[in-house]
Amino acid sequence: MNFKRANHGFFLWFLSVISFVQFSCNDDIPAASQDRFVDNLYGNTTGLELIIAYEQGADPYTSFGGFDNWRITDYNLNQLLGTQKIPVKVPHVLDSMKNLGVLSQNNYTRQNIIDIAADVQRYSNKDSVKSIVLLFLNGYLIKDGVIETRVLGLNIDGSAVVAIFKPVISASSSKEAEKNMVEQSTVTHEIGHVLGLVNNGVPTTSLHHDQANGSHCSNSNCVMYWKNGAGEVAQYIDRFTRGQDITLFGEQCMADIKAK
């Protein structure tokens, strides 16, 4: 796939993504298990599949303005893991994703998310082909008994499980174009945590770990920058309109994965 040059429709889409939205990525507490997904990923994987499941009413955005949204995640994950020769399979349409129907709870604890993912997961961490489970939920995260209405996404630390909270994505902007991009950047950001970024199982090769903000990058042009996981997408506009590539990961994070 070659996305070095985005088409005109893609430029027009991102031209409307110009505002700052103050939402957040949630750094999860460490998983109880010591069998971390990232520890079995590099050097032991021949393929990685993204398994997407969604609660009814929380359908992932798949396209906007004629542009296939999931090309963004697909391109960036394959570019990031290409240096490790790990091909990534990403579904692009709802027919390739699992509809979970209406779930019993309105909001979700960490354990709720783990339990739902366990019913969807098809691979073991020990398999040569592995998968990341991406859940789109029609509710909010419950953390320490509190409903978090501003958390866009969560990676259950140490695991291959990511949750996206659709009501927060929907509330992130009044503009449909921006909601689409916030969703894709959040997905890519949270999967970056699954893959060991930043200093989250993959050691850093340069000084770019923003320790004050958890497992995030100090490079504001990288999707792993803490505000980029919080819905700040305006910084991508200038390079898109100049016709440059749609890479979301910064050079430092790319170098970390390459050196793993």
C-alpha atoms as a PDB file:
ATOM      1  CA  MET A   1       0.000   0.000   0.000  1.00  0.00           C
ATOM      2  CA  ASN A   2       1.242   3.456  -0.816  1.00  0.00           C
ATOM      3  CA  PHE A   3      -0.209   6.336   1.140  1.00  0.00           C
ATOM      4  CA  LYS A   4       2.722   8.701   0.732  1.00  0.00           C
ATOM      5  CA  ARG A   5       0.446  10.985  -1.229  1.00  0.00           C
ATOM      6  CA  ALA A   6      -3.084  11.422   0.066  1.00  0.00           C
ATOM      7  CA  ASN A   7      -5.843  12.259  -2.402  1.00  0.00           C
ATOM      8  CA  HIS A   8      -7.651  15.572  -2.678  1.00  0.00           C
ATOM      9  CA  GLY A   9     -10.696  14.302  -0.780  1.00  0.00           C
ATOM     10  CA  PHE A  10      -8.426  13.340   2.108  1.00  0.00           C
ATOM     11  CA  PHE A  11      -6.985  16.876   2.222  1.00  0.00           C
ATOM     12  CA  LEU A  12     -10.469  18.401   2.308  1.00  0.00           C
ATOM     13  CA  TRP A  13     -11.418  16.080   5.159  1.00  0.00           C
ATOM     14  CA  PHE A  14      -8.498  17.111   7.352  1.00  0.00           C
ATOM     15  CA  LEU A  15      -8.836  20.801   6.559  1.00  0.00           C
ATOM     16  CA  SER A  16     -11.868  20.806   8.831  1.00  0.00           C
ATOM     17  CA  VAL A  17      -9.982  19.219  11.731  1.00  0.00           C
ATOM     18  CA  ILE A  18      -8.680  22.399  13.299  1.00  0.00           C
ATOM     19  CA  SER A  19      -9.810  22.630  16.919  1.00  0.00           C
ATOM     20  CA  PHE A  20      -8.298  21.403  20.171  1.00  0.00           C
ATOM     21  CA  VAL A  21     -10.447  18.998  22.159  1.00  0.00           C
ATOM     22  CA  GLN A  22      -9.526  18.347  25.793  1.00  0.00           C
ATOM     23  CA  PHE A  23     -10.160  14.647  26.319  1.00  0.00           C
ATOM     24  CA  SER A  24      -7.763  12.007  27.539  1.00  0.00           C
ATOM     25  CA  CYS A  25      -6.053   8.672  27.150  1.00  0.00           C
ATOM     26  CA  ASN A  26      -6.128   6.693  30.371  1.00  0.00           C
ATOM     27  CA  ASP A  27      -2.923   5.098  31.675  1.00  0.00           C
ATOM     28  CA  ASP A  28      -4.057   1.815  33.194  1.00  0.00           C
ATOM     29  CA  ILE A  29      -2.659   0.319  36.370  1.00  0.00           C
ATOM     30  CA  PRO A  30      -0.286  -2.627  35.781  1.00  0.00           C
ATOM     31  CA  ALA A  31      -1.937  -5.945  35.055  1.00  0.00           C
ATOM     32  CA  ALA A  32      -1.721  -8.568  37.771  1.00  0.00           C
ATOM     33  CA  SER A  33      -0.301 -11.155  35.362  1.00  0.00           C
ATOM     34  CA  GLN A  34       3.411 -11.046  34.590  1.00  0.00           C
ATOM     35  CA  ASP A  35       2.770 -12.625  31.183  1.00  0.00           C
ATOM     36  CA  ARG A  36       2.734  -9.356  29.269  1.00  0.00           C
ATOM     37  CA  PHE A  37       1.697  -9.367  25.626  1.00  0.00           C
ATOM     38  CA  VAL A  38       4.686  -7.271  24.553  1.00  0.00           C
ATOM     39  CA  ASP A  39       7.138  -9.737  26.113  1.00  0.00           C
ATOM     40  CA  ASN A  40       5.972 -12.452  23.716  1.00  0.00           C
ATOM     41  CA  LEU A  41       5.530 -10.242  20.661  1.00  0.00           C
ATOM     42  CA  TYR A  42       8.930  -9.401  19.241  1.00  0.00           C
ATOM     43  CA  GLY A  43      10.969 -12.270  17.819  1.00  0.00           C
ATOM     44  CA  ASN A  44       8.100 -14.706  18.257  1.00  0.00           C
ATOM     45  CA  THR A  45       5.388 -13.460  15.883  1.00  0.00           C
ATOM     46  CA  THR A  46       4.705 -14.148  12.213  1.00  0.00           C
ATOM     47  CA  GLY A  47       1.503 -12.117  12.002  1.00  0.00           C
ATOM     48  CA  LEU A  48      -0.714  -9.812  14.035  1.00  0.00           C
ATOM     49  CA  GLU A  49      -4.473  -9.475  13.601  1.00  0.00           C
ATOM     50  CA  LEU A  50      -6.633  -6.640  14.870  1.00  0.00           C
ATOM     51  CA  ILE A  51      -9.933  -8.117  16.097  1.00  0.00           C
ATOM     52  CA  ILE A  52     -12.564  -5.394  16.312  1.00  0.00           C
ATOM     53  CA  ALA A  53     -15.829  -5.895  18.187  1.00  0.00           C
ATOM     54  CA  TYR A  54     -18.430  -3.243  18.865  1.00  0.00           C
ATOM     55  CA  GLU A  55     -21.465  -2.856  21.053  1.00  0.00           C
ATOM     56  CA  GLN A  56     -24.667  -1.997  19.203  1.00  0.00           C
ATOM     57  CA  GLY A  57     -24.842   1.786  18.994  1.00  0.00           C
ATOM     58  CA  ALA A  58     -21.064   2.119  19.223  1.00  0.00           C
ATOM     59  CA  ASP A  59     -20.219   1.215  15.630  1.00  0.00           C
ATOM     60  CA  PRO A  60     -16.714   2.331  14.584  1.00  0.00           C
ATOM     61  CA  TYR A  61     -16.569   5.043  11.925  1.00  0.00           C
ATOM     62  CA  THR A  62     -15.441   3.349   8.724  1.00  0.00           C
ATOM     63  CA  SER A  63     -15.409   6.150   6.154  1.00  0.00           C
ATOM     64  CA  PHE A  64     -15.903   9.870   5.718  1.00  0.00           C
ATOM     65  CA  GLY A  65     -15.995  11.915   2.536  1.00  0.00           C
ATOM     66  CA  GLY A  66     -15.126   8.852   0.454  1.00  0.00           C
ATOM     67  CA  PHE A  67     -11.994   8.121   2.505  1.00  0.00           C
ATOM     68  CA  ASP A  68     -11.480   4.706   4.117  1.00  0.00           C
ATOM     69  CA  ASN A  69     -10.752   5.621   7.753  1.00  0.00           C
ATOM     70  CA  TRP A  70      -9.125   2.322   8.631  1.00  0.00           C
ATOM     71  CA  ARG A  71      -6.369   2.896   6.086  1.00  0.00           C
ATOM     72  CA  ILE A  72      -4.863   5.217   8.702  1.00  0.00           C
ATOM     73  CA  THR A  73      -4.527   2.528  11.384  1.00  0.00           C
ATOM     74  CA  ASP A  74      -3.605  -0.114   8.790  1.00  0.00           C
ATOM     75  CA  TYR A  75      -0.834   1.974   7.250  1.00  0.00           C
ATOM     76  CA  ASN A  76       0.634   3.135  10.550  1.00  0.00           C
ATOM     77  CA  LEU A  77       0.700  -0.277  12.236  1.00  0.00           C
ATOM     78  CA  ASN A  78       2.234  -1.958   9.208  1.00  0.00           C
ATOM     79  CA  GLN A  79       4.795   0.822   8.878  1.00  0.00           C
ATOM     80  CA  LEU A  80       5.684   0.594  12.580  1.00  0.00           C
ATOM     81  CA  LEU A  81       5.986  -3.209  12.691  1.00  0.00           C
ATOM     82  CA  GLY A  82       7.380  -3.598   9.190  1.00  0.00           C
ATOM     83  CA  THR A  83      10.885  -3.252  10.599  1.00  0.00           C
ATOM     84  CA  GLN A  84      10.156  -6.348  12.704  1.00  0.00           C
ATOM     85  CA  LYS A  85       8.685  -8.180   9.710  1.00  0.00           C
ATOM     86  CA  ILE A  86       5.329  -8.545  11.473  1.00  0.00           C
ATOM     87  CA  PRO A  87       2.454  -8.035   9.004  1.00  0.00           C
ATOM     88  CA  VAL A  88      -0.708  -6.595  10.549  1.00  0.00           C
ATOM     89  CA  LYS A  89      -4.209  -7.496   9.352  1.00  0.00           C
ATOM     90  CA  VAL A  90      -6.747  -4.723   9.945  1.00  0.00           C
ATOM     91  CA  PRO A  91     -10.470  -4.980   9.087  1.00  0.00           C
ATOM     92  CA  HIS A  92     -11.844  -1.965   7.227  1.00  0.00           C
ATOM     93  CA  VAL A  93     -15.628  -2.564   7.100  1.00  0.00           C
ATOM     94  CA  LEU A  94     -18.283  -3.424   9.686  1.00  0.00           C
ATOM     95  CA  ASP A  95     -18.971  -6.779   8.044  1.00  0.00           C
ATOM     96  CA  SER A  96     -15.424  -7.792   9.064  1.00  0.00           C
ATOM     97  CA  MET A  97     -15.997  -6.707  12.669  1.00  0.00           C
ATOM     98  CA  LYS A  98     -18.045  -8.442  15.379  1.00  0.00           C
ATOM     99  CA  ASN A  99     -21.343  -6.952  16.527  1.00  0.00           C
ATOM    100  CA  LEU A 100     -21.680  -7.665  20.262  1.00  0.00           C
ATOM    101  CA  GLY A 101     -25.322  -6.587  20.385  1.00  0.00           C
ATOM    102  CA  VAL A 102     -26.537  -4.666  23.437  1.00  0.00           C
ATOM    103  CA  LEU A 103     -24.404  -5.416  26.499  1.00  0.00           C
ATOM    104  CA  SER A 104     -25.882  -5.671  29.985  1.00  0.00           C
ATOM    105  CA  GLN A 105     -24.015  -2.790  31.604  1.00  0.00           C
ATOM    106  CA  ASN A 106     -24.082   0.904  30.747  1.00  0.00           C
ATOM    107  CA  ASN A 107     -20.507   1.653  31.829  1.00  0.00           C
ATOM    108  CA  TYR A 108     -17.411  -0.514  32.189  1.00  0.00           C
ATOM    109  CA  THR A 109     -14.864  -1.417  34.822  1.00  0.00           C
ATOM    110  CA  ARG A 110     -11.444  -2.755  33.946  1.00  0.00           C
ATOM    111  CA  GLN A 111     -12.652  -6.293  34.723  1.00  0.00           C
ATOM    112  CA  ASN A 112     -15.760  -5.866  32.558  1.00  0.00           C
ATOM    113  CA  ILE A 113     -13.499  -4.994  29.632  1.00  0.00           C
ATOM    114  CA  ILE A 114     -11.201  -7.968  30.244  1.00  0.00           C
ATOM    115  CA  ASP A 115     -14.182 -10.337  30.383  1.00  0.00           C
ATOM    116  CA  ILE A 116     -15.720  -9.038  27.145  1.00  0.00           C
ATOM    117  CA  ALA A 117     -12.367  -9.264  25.365  1.00  0.00           C
ATOM    118  CA  ALA A 118     -11.871 -12.861  26.524  1.00  0.00           C
ATOM    119  CA  ASP A 119     -15.016 -13.871  24.636  1.00  0.00           C
ATOM    120  CA  VAL A 120     -13.683 -12.264  21.440  1.00  0.00           C
ATOM    121  CA  GLN A 121      -9.990 -13.223  21.542  1.00  0.00           C
ATOM    122  CA  ARG A 122      -9.028 -16.073  19.189  1.00  0.00           C
ATOM    123  CA  TYR A 123      -5.299 -16.408  19.877  1.00  0.00           C
ATOM    124  CA  SER A 124      -2.913 -17.038  22.738  1.00  0.00           C
ATOM    125  CA  ASN A 125       0.080 -14.839  23.510  1.00  0.00           C
ATOM    126  CA  LYS A 126       2.185 -17.927  22.798  1.00  0.00           C
ATOM    127  CA  ASP A 127       0.873 -18.390  19.233  1.00  0.00           C
ATOM    128  CA  SER A 128       3.058 -17.268  16.339  1.00  0.00           C
ATOM    129  CA  VAL A 129       0.019 -15.409  14.994  1.00  0.00           C
ATOM    130  CA  LYS A 130      -1.317 -13.062  17.655  1.00  0.00           C
ATOM    131  CA  SER A 131      -4.112 -10.558  17.922  1.00  0.00           C
ATOM    132  CA  ILE A 132      -5.085  -7.320  19.585  1.00  0.00           C
ATOM    133  CA  VAL A 133      -8.728  -7.050  20.688  1.00  0.00           C
ATOM    134  CA  LEU A 134     -10.238  -3.613  20.091  1.00  0.00           C
ATOM    135  CA  LEU A 135     -13.609  -3.039  21.779  1.00  0.00           C
ATOM    136  CA  PHE A 136     -15.936  -0.151  20.909  1.00  0.00           C
ATOM    137  CA  LEU A 137     -18.239   0.331  23.894  1.00  0.00           C
ATOM    138  CA  ASN A 138     -21.425   2.374  24.196  1.00  0.00           C
ATOM    139  CA  GLY A 139     -20.560   3.665  27.653  1.00  0.00           C
ATOM    140  CA  TYR A 140     -17.848   5.139  29.838  1.00  0.00           C
ATOM    141  CA  LEU A 141     -14.921   3.811  31.851  1.00  0.00           C
ATOM    142  CA  ILE A 142     -15.496   3.238  35.567  1.00  0.00           C
ATOM    143  CA  LYS A 143     -12.255   3.845  37.473  1.00  0.00           C
ATOM    144  CA  ASP A 144     -12.107   3.593  41.265  1.00  0.00           C
ATOM    145  CA  GLY A 145     -15.903   3.730  41.328  1.00  0.00           C
ATOM    146  CA  VAL A 146     -16.013   6.962  39.318  1.00  0.00           C
ATOM    147  CA  ILE A 147     -17.513   7.247  35.809  1.00  0.00           C
ATOM    148  CA  GLU A 148     -14.865   8.878  33.599  1.00  0.00           C
ATOM    149  CA  THR A 149     -16.752  10.856  30.945  1.00  0.00           C
ATOM    150  CA  ARG A 150     -13.635  12.275  29.284  1.00  0.00           C
ATOM    151  CA  VAL A 151     -11.538   9.142  28.700  1.00  0.00           C
ATOM    152  CA  LEU A 152     -11.450   8.338  24.990  1.00  0.00           C
ATOM    153  CA  GLY A 153      -9.619   5.032  25.176  1.00  0.00           C
ATOM    154  CA  LEU A 154      -7.819   2.590  27.422  1.00  0.00           C
ATOM    155  CA  ASN A 155      -5.236  -0.156  27.011  1.00  0.00           C
ATOM    156  CA  ILE A 156      -5.454  -2.713  29.796  1.00  0.00           C
ATOM    157  CA  ASP A 157      -1.800  -2.558  30.802  1.00  0.00           C
ATOM    158  CA  GLY A 158       0.239  -5.612  29.900  1.00  0.00           C
ATOM    159  CA  SER A 159      -2.499  -7.006  27.698  1.00  0.00           C
ATOM    160  CA  ALA A 160      -3.574  -6.962  24.040  1.00  0.00           C
ATOM    161  CA  VAL A 161      -6.907  -5.363  24.955  1.00  0.00           C
ATOM    162  CA  VAL A 162      -7.979  -1.846  23.979  1.00  0.00           C
ATOM    163  CA  ALA A 163     -11.323  -0.211  24.767  1.00  0.00           C
ATOM    164  CA  ILE A 164     -12.703   2.809  22.927  1.00  0.00           C
ATOM    165  CA  PHE A 165     -15.530   4.679  24.650  1.00  0.00           C
ATOM    166  CA  LYS A 166     -17.823   5.780  21.843  1.00  0.00           C
ATOM    167  CA  PRO A 167     -19.866   8.397  23.734  1.00  0.00           C
ATOM    168  CA  VAL A 168     -16.625  10.257  24.474  1.00  0.00           C
ATOM    169  CA  ILE A 169     -15.544  10.074  20.823  1.00  0.00           C
ATOM    170  CA  SER A 170     -18.985  11.372  19.795  1.00  0.00           C
ATOM    171  CA  ALA A 171     -18.758  14.261  22.288  1.00  0.00           C
ATOM    172  CA  SER A 172     -15.234  15.230  21.225  1.00  0.00           C
ATOM    173  CA  SER A 173     -16.449  17.573  18.497  1.00  0.00           C
ATOM    174  CA  SER A 174     -19.530  18.887  16.706  1.00  0.00           C
ATOM    175  CA  LYS A 175     -17.774  18.155  13.396  1.00  0.00           C
ATOM    176  CA  GLU A 176     -18.136  14.690  11.888  1.00  0.00           C
ATOM    177  CA  ALA A 177     -14.718  14.930  10.212  1.00  0.00           C
ATOM    178  CA  GLU A 178     -13.030  15.617  13.522  1.00  0.00           C
ATOM    179  CA  LYS A 179     -14.847  12.772  15.286  1.00  0.00           C
ATOM    180  CA  ASN A 180     -13.578  10.393  12.596  1.00  0.00           C
ATOM    181  CA  MET A 181      -9.979  11.540  13.039  1.00  0.00           C
ATOM    182  CA  VAL A 182     -10.149  11.574  16.845  1.00  0.00           C
ATOM    183  CA  GLU A 183     -11.311   7.957  16.712  1.00  0.00           C
ATOM    184  CA  GLN A 184      -8.516   6.829  14.385  1.00  0.00           C
ATOM    185  CA  SER A 185      -5.800   8.698  16.281  1.00  0.00           C
ATOM    186  CA  THR A 186      -7.096   7.270  19.580  1.00  0.00           C
ATOM    187  CA  VAL A 187      -7.085   3.724  18.179  1.00  0.00           C
ATOM    188  CA  THR A 188      -3.526   4.131  16.867  1.00  0.00           C
ATOM    189  CA  HIS A 189      -2.370   5.736  20.123  1.00  0.00           C
ATOM    190  CA  GLU A 190      -3.789   2.987  22.355  1.00  0.00           C
ATOM    191  CA  ILE A 191      -2.415   0.209  20.130  1.00  0.00           C
ATOM    192  CA  GLY A 192       0.951   1.962  20.406  1.00  0.00           C
ATOM    193  CA  HIS A 193       0.769   1.286  24.153  1.00  0.00           C
ATOM    194  CA  VAL A 194      -0.034  -2.391  23.466  1.00  0.00           C
ATOM    195  CA  LEU A 195       3.082  -2.620  21.285  1.00  0.00           C
ATOM    196  CA  GLY A 196       5.277  -1.291  24.107  1.00  0.00           C
ATOM    197  CA  LEU A 197       5.338   2.468  23.584  1.00  0.00           C
ATOM    198  CA  VAL A 198       6.635   4.580  25.203  1.00  0.00           C
ATOM    199  CA  ASN A 199       9.129   2.726  27.427  1.00  0.00           C
ATOM    200  CA  ASN A 200       6.206   0.419  28.140  1.00  0.00           C
ATOM    201  CA  GLY A 201       7.926  -2.869  27.351  1.00  0.00           C
ATOM    202  CA  VAL A 202      10.045  -1.544  24.487  1.00  0.00           C
ATOM    203  CA  PRO A 203      13.108   0.381  25.746  1.00  0.00           C
ATOM    204  CA  THR A 204      13.661   3.872  24.407  1.00  0.00           C
ATOM    205  CA  THR A 205      16.629   4.505  22.128  1.00  0.00           C
ATOM    206  CA  SER A 206      16.629   8.265  22.721  1.00  0.00           C
ATOM    207  CA  LEU A 207      15.404  10.748  25.317  1.00  0.00           C
ATOM    208  CA  HIS A 208      11.730  11.062  24.344  1.00  0.00           C
ATOM    209  CA  HIS A 209       9.874   9.337  27.206  1.00  0.00           C
ATOM    210  CA  ASP A 210       7.567  11.937  28.801  1.00  0.00           C
ATOM    211  CA  GLN A 211       7.596  10.314  32.235  1.00  0.00           C
ATOM    212  CA  ALA A 212       5.485  13.063  33.787  1.00  0.00           C
ATOM    213  CA  ASN A 213       2.577  11.969  31.587  1.00  0.00           C
ATOM    214  CA  GLY A 214       2.997   8.201  31.766  1.00  0.00           C
ATOM    215  CA  SER A 215       3.990   6.043  28.792  1.00  0.00           C
ATOM    216  CA  HIS A 216       3.984   8.904  26.322  1.00  0.00           C
ATOM    217  CA  CYS A 217       6.313  10.641  23.890  1.00  0.00           C
ATOM    218  CA  SER A 218       7.718  14.130  24.304  1.00  0.00           C
ATOM    219  CA  ASN A 219       7.542  14.701  20.514  1.00  0.00           C
ATOM    220  CA  SER A 220       4.372  16.717  19.890  1.00  0.00           C
ATOM    221  CA  ASN A 221       4.315  15.505  16.259  1.00  0.00           C
ATOM    222  CA  CYS A 222       4.018  11.861  17.365  1.00  0.00           C
ATOM    223  CA  VAL A 223       0.673  10.167  17.977  1.00  0.00           C
ATOM    224  CA  MET A 224       2.117   8.894  21.277  1.00  0.00           C
ATOM    225  CA  TYR A 225       2.388  12.465  22.601  1.00  0.00           C
ATOM    226  CA  TRP A 226      -0.009  12.610  25.551  1.00  0.00           C
ATOM    227  CA  LYS A 227      -2.252  15.293  24.063  1.00  0.00           C
ATOM    228  CA  ASN A 228      -2.519  13.406  20.783  1.00  0.00           C
ATOM    229  CA  GLY A 229      -4.096  10.556  22.708  1.00  0.00           C
ATOM    230  CA  ALA A 230      -6.350  13.217  24.152  1.00  0.00           C
ATOM    231  CA  GLY A 231      -7.887  14.367  20.910  1.00  0.00           C
ATOM    232  CA  GLU A 232      -5.479  17.113  19.831  1.00  0.00           C
ATOM    233  CA  VAL A 233      -5.247  16.461  16.103  1.00  0.00           C
ATOM    234  CA  ALA A 234      -4.751  19.918  14.619  1.00  0.00           C
ATOM    235  CA  GLN A 235      -0.968  19.502  14.447  1.00  0.00           C
ATOM    236  CA  TYR A 236      -1.386  16.936  11.657  1.00  0.00           C
ATOM    237  CA  ILE A 237      -3.192  19.317   9.295  1.00  0.00           C
ATOM    238  CA  ASP A 238      -0.260  21.275   7.923  1.00  0.00           C
ATOM    239  CA  ARG A 239       1.694  18.258   6.728  1.00  0.00           C
ATOM    240  CA  PHE A 240      -1.380  16.618   5.220  1.00  0.00           C
ATOM    241  CA  THR A 241      -2.199  19.706   3.198  1.00  0.00           C
ATOM    242  CA  ARG A 242       1.392  19.833   1.944  1.00  0.00           C
ATOM    243  CA  GLY A 243       0.885  16.326   0.519  1.00  0.00           C
ATOM    244  CA  GLN A 244       3.258  14.559   2.860  1.00  0.00           C
ATOM    245  CA  ASP A 245       2.810  11.054   4.243  1.00  0.00           C
ATOM    246  CA  ILE A 246       0.180  10.143   6.823  1.00  0.00           C
ATOM    247  CA  THR A 247       2.593   8.610   9.326  1.00  0.00           C
ATOM    248  CA  LEU A 248       1.372   9.248  12.869  1.00  0.00           C
ATOM    249  CA  PHE A 249       4.275   7.743  14.832  1.00  0.00           C
ATOM    250  CA  GLY A 250       7.295   9.961  15.365  1.00  0.00           C
ATOM    251  CA  GLU A 251      10.841   8.994  14.391  1.00  0.00           C
ATOM    252  CA  GLN A 252      11.828   8.235  17.999  1.00  0.00           C
ATOM    253  CA  CYS A 253       9.009   5.730  18.532  1.00  0.00           C
ATOM    254  CA  MET A 254       9.713   4.165  15.135  1.00  0.00           C
ATOM    255  CA  ALA A 255      13.369   3.802  16.135  1.00  0.00           C
ATOM    256  CA  ASP A 256      12.420   2.152  19.438  1.00  0.00           C
ATOM    257  CA  ILE A 257      10.404  -0.568  17.693  1.00  0.00           C
ATOM    258  CA  LYS A 258      13.069  -1.085  15.025  1.00  0.00           C
ATOM    259  CA  ALA A 259      15.721  -1.639  17.699  1.00  0.00           C
ATOM    260  CA  LYS A 260      13.606  -4.057  19.756  1.00  0.00           C
END
